[in-house]
């Protein structure tokens, strides 16, 4: 099921707006967003619905940040394998760092 056909009550108004854009031929693909149309529609929403749109945008931003953390985690895991210390656990690393800092 894609994002435009799901029945999510919290994001309902935004999904309705996007569905309307597609039906009216104002958007052919997500990359073809027209900022003016979005802003016009947003201005016509009551304040509580604008808050829902903002909540949804914040959700999307968090998703993107999460992807970046996953990429970082993958990089760190691969680096630890390459350098031969993937066997170390968090407590081991913490202990090594504490010992190093204490010996300076």
C-alpha atoms as a PDB file:
ATOM      1  CA  UNK A   1       0.000   0.000   0.000  1.00  0.00           C
ATOM      2  CA  UNK A   2       1.414   3.400  -0.884  1.00  0.00           C
ATOM      3  CA  UNK A   3       1.277   6.602   1.169  1.00  0.00           C
ATOM      4  CA  UNK A   4      -1.555   8.068  -0.890  1.00  0.00           C
ATOM      5  CA  UNK A   5      -3.959   5.201  -0.366  1.00  0.00           C
ATOM      6  CA  UNK A   6      -3.393   4.423   3.306  1.00  0.00           C
ATOM      7  CA  UNK A   7      -6.074   5.254   5.854  1.00  0.00           C
ATOM      8  CA  UNK A   8      -4.030   7.147   8.384  1.00  0.00           C
ATOM      9  CA  UNK A   9      -6.311   9.496  10.331  1.00  0.00           C
ATOM     10  CA  UNK A  10      -3.463  11.691  11.581  1.00  0.00           C
ATOM     11  CA  UNK A  11      -2.204  12.445   8.067  1.00  0.00           C
ATOM     12  CA  UNK A  12      -5.613  12.336   6.384  1.00  0.00           C
ATOM     13  CA  UNK A  13      -5.890  16.011   5.325  1.00  0.00           C
ATOM     14  CA  UNK A  14      -2.451  16.082   3.762  1.00  0.00           C
ATOM     15  CA  UNK A  15      -3.118  12.831   1.947  1.00  0.00           C
ATOM     16  CA  UNK A  16      -6.424  14.233   0.672  1.00  0.00           C
ATOM     17  CA  UNK A  17      -4.598  17.300  -0.658  1.00  0.00           C
ATOM     18  CA  UNK A  18      -2.006  15.174  -2.415  1.00  0.00           C
ATOM     19  CA  UNK A  19      -4.679  12.893  -3.868  1.00  0.00           C
ATOM     20  CA  UNK A  20      -6.516  15.950  -5.195  1.00  0.00           C
ATOM     21  CA  UNK A  21      -3.315  17.188  -6.840  1.00  0.00           C
ATOM     22  CA  UNK A  22      -2.934  13.877  -8.651  1.00  0.00           C
ATOM     23  CA  UNK A  23      -6.583  13.712  -9.710  1.00  0.00           C
ATOM     24  CA  UNK A  24      -6.508  17.276 -11.052  1.00  0.00           C
ATOM     25  CA  UNK A  25      -3.316  16.569 -12.983  1.00  0.00           C
ATOM     26  CA  UNK A  26      -1.396  19.222 -11.058  1.00  0.00           C
ATOM     27  CA  UNK A  27       1.301  16.727 -10.147  1.00  0.00           C
ATOM     28  CA  UNK A  28       2.444  13.840 -12.266  1.00  0.00           C
ATOM     29  CA  UNK A  29       5.182  12.585  -9.965  1.00  0.00           C
ATOM     30  CA  UNK A  30       6.339  13.555  -6.505  1.00  0.00           C
ATOM     31  CA  UNK A  31       9.369  15.293  -8.005  1.00  0.00           C
ATOM     32  CA  UNK A  32       7.048  17.556 -10.010  1.00  0.00           C
ATOM     33  CA  UNK A  33       5.717  19.399  -6.944  1.00  0.00           C
ATOM     34  CA  UNK A  34       4.594  22.934  -7.542  1.00  0.00           C
ATOM     35  CA  UNK A  35       5.365  24.942  -4.417  1.00  0.00           C
ATOM     36  CA  UNK A  36       2.782  27.596  -5.296  1.00  0.00           C
ATOM     37  CA  UNK A  37      -0.042  25.060  -5.399  1.00  0.00           C
ATOM     38  CA  UNK A  38       1.024  23.575  -2.094  1.00  0.00           C
ATOM     39  CA  UNK A  39       1.266  26.980  -0.415  1.00  0.00           C
ATOM     40  CA  UNK A  40      -2.127  28.020  -1.776  1.00  0.00           C
ATOM     41  CA  UNK A  41      -3.744  24.870  -0.459  1.00  0.00           C
ATOM     42  CA  UNK A  42      -1.956  25.232   2.864  1.00  0.00           C
ATOM     43  CA  UNK A  43      -3.193  28.817   3.294  1.00  0.00           C
ATOM     44  CA  UNK A  44      -6.766  27.634   2.727  1.00  0.00           C
ATOM     45  CA  UNK A  45      -6.592  25.096   5.555  1.00  0.00           C
ATOM     46  CA  UNK A  46      -7.876  25.890   9.035  1.00  0.00           C
ATOM     47  CA  UNK A  47      -5.170  26.240  11.731  1.00  0.00           C
ATOM     48  CA  UNK A  48      -5.710  22.747  13.164  1.00  0.00           C
ATOM     49  CA  UNK A  49      -5.213  21.176   9.738  1.00  0.00           C
ATOM     50  CA  UNK A  50      -2.081  23.264   9.168  1.00  0.00           C
ATOM     51  CA  UNK A  51      -0.740  21.797  12.413  1.00  0.00           C
ATOM     52  CA  UNK A  52      -1.376  18.310  11.017  1.00  0.00           C
ATOM     53  CA  UNK A  53       0.544  19.192   7.856  1.00  0.00           C
ATOM     54  CA  UNK A  54       3.424  20.504   9.973  1.00  0.00           C
ATOM     55  CA  UNK A  55       3.378  17.324  12.077  1.00  0.00           C
ATOM     56  CA  UNK A  56       3.588  15.255   8.912  1.00  0.00           C
ATOM     57  CA  UNK A  57       6.492  17.332   7.580  1.00  0.00           C
ATOM     58  CA  UNK A  58       8.336  16.888  10.874  1.00  0.00           C
ATOM     59  CA  UNK A  59       7.699  13.145  10.612  1.00  0.00           C
ATOM     60  CA  UNK A  60       9.243  13.123   7.132  1.00  0.00           C
ATOM     61  CA  UNK A  61      12.277  15.055   8.397  1.00  0.00           C
ATOM     62  CA  UNK A  62      12.765  12.532  11.204  1.00  0.00           C
ATOM     63  CA  UNK A  63      12.627   9.719   8.681  1.00  0.00           C
ATOM     64  CA  UNK A  64      15.417  11.361   6.683  1.00  0.00           C
ATOM     65  CA  UNK A  65      17.536  11.858   9.812  1.00  0.00           C
ATOM     66  CA  UNK A  66      16.964   8.210  10.701  1.00  0.00           C
ATOM     67  CA  UNK A  67      18.237   7.149   7.287  1.00  0.00           C
ATOM     68  CA  UNK A  68      21.408   9.157   7.843  1.00  0.00           C
ATOM     69  CA  UNK A  69      21.994   7.461  11.208  1.00  0.00           C
ATOM     70  CA  UNK A  70      21.501   4.057   9.609  1.00  0.00           C
ATOM     71  CA  UNK A  71      24.069   4.963   6.944  1.00  0.00           C
ATOM     72  CA  UNK A  72      26.488   6.093   9.679  1.00  0.00           C
ATOM     73  CA  UNK A  73      25.933   2.879  11.651  1.00  0.00           C
ATOM     74  CA  UNK A  74      26.615   0.797   8.547  1.00  0.00           C
ATOM     75  CA  UNK A  75      29.807   2.776   7.905  1.00  0.00           C
ATOM     76  CA  UNK A  76      30.961   2.313  11.524  1.00  0.00           C
ATOM     77  CA  UNK A  77      30.239  -1.422  11.450  1.00  0.00           C
ATOM     78  CA  UNK A  78      32.145  -1.843   8.190  1.00  0.00           C
ATOM     79  CA  UNK A  79      35.072   0.200   9.516  1.00  0.00           C
ATOM     80  CA  UNK A  80      35.263  -1.917  12.664  1.00  0.00           C
ATOM     81  CA  UNK A  81      35.346  -5.074  10.530  1.00  0.00           C
ATOM     82  CA  UNK A  82      38.058  -3.646   8.259  1.00  0.00           C
ATOM     83  CA  UNK A  83      40.217  -2.581  11.215  1.00  0.00           C
ATOM     84  CA  UNK A  84      39.706  -5.829  13.109  1.00  0.00           C
ATOM     85  CA  UNK A  85      37.901  -4.578  16.186  1.00  0.00           C
ATOM     86  CA  UNK A  86      34.322  -5.628  15.409  1.00  0.00           C
ATOM     87  CA  UNK A  87      34.505  -8.097  18.317  1.00  0.00           C
ATOM     88  CA  UNK A  88      34.576  -5.221  20.823  1.00  0.00           C
ATOM     89  CA  UNK A  89      31.373  -4.332  22.647  1.00  0.00           C
ATOM     90  CA  UNK A  90      30.288  -0.886  23.809  1.00  0.00           C
ATOM     91  CA  UNK A  91      31.573  -1.494  27.344  1.00  0.00           C
ATOM     92  CA  UNK A  92      34.963  -2.566  25.951  1.00  0.00           C
ATOM     93  CA  UNK A  93      35.261   0.611  23.909  1.00  0.00           C
ATOM     94  CA  UNK A  94      34.168   2.760  26.845  1.00  0.00           C
ATOM     95  CA  UNK A  95      36.811   1.155  29.046  1.00  0.00           C
ATOM     96  CA  UNK A  96      39.529   1.672  26.422  1.00  0.00           C
ATOM     97  CA  UNK A  97      38.595   5.347  26.029  1.00  0.00           C
ATOM     98  CA  UNK A  98      38.555   5.893  29.810  1.00  0.00           C
ATOM     99  CA  UNK A  99      41.954   4.235  30.173  1.00  0.00           C
ATOM    100  CA  UNK A 100      43.377   6.330  27.328  1.00  0.00           C
ATOM    101  CA  UNK A 101      42.038   9.587  28.752  1.00  0.00           C
ATOM    102  CA  UNK A 102      43.285   8.713  32.234  1.00  0.00           C
ATOM    103  CA  UNK A 103      46.823   8.103  30.986  1.00  0.00           C
ATOM    104  CA  UNK A 104      47.296  11.547  29.383  1.00  0.00           C
END
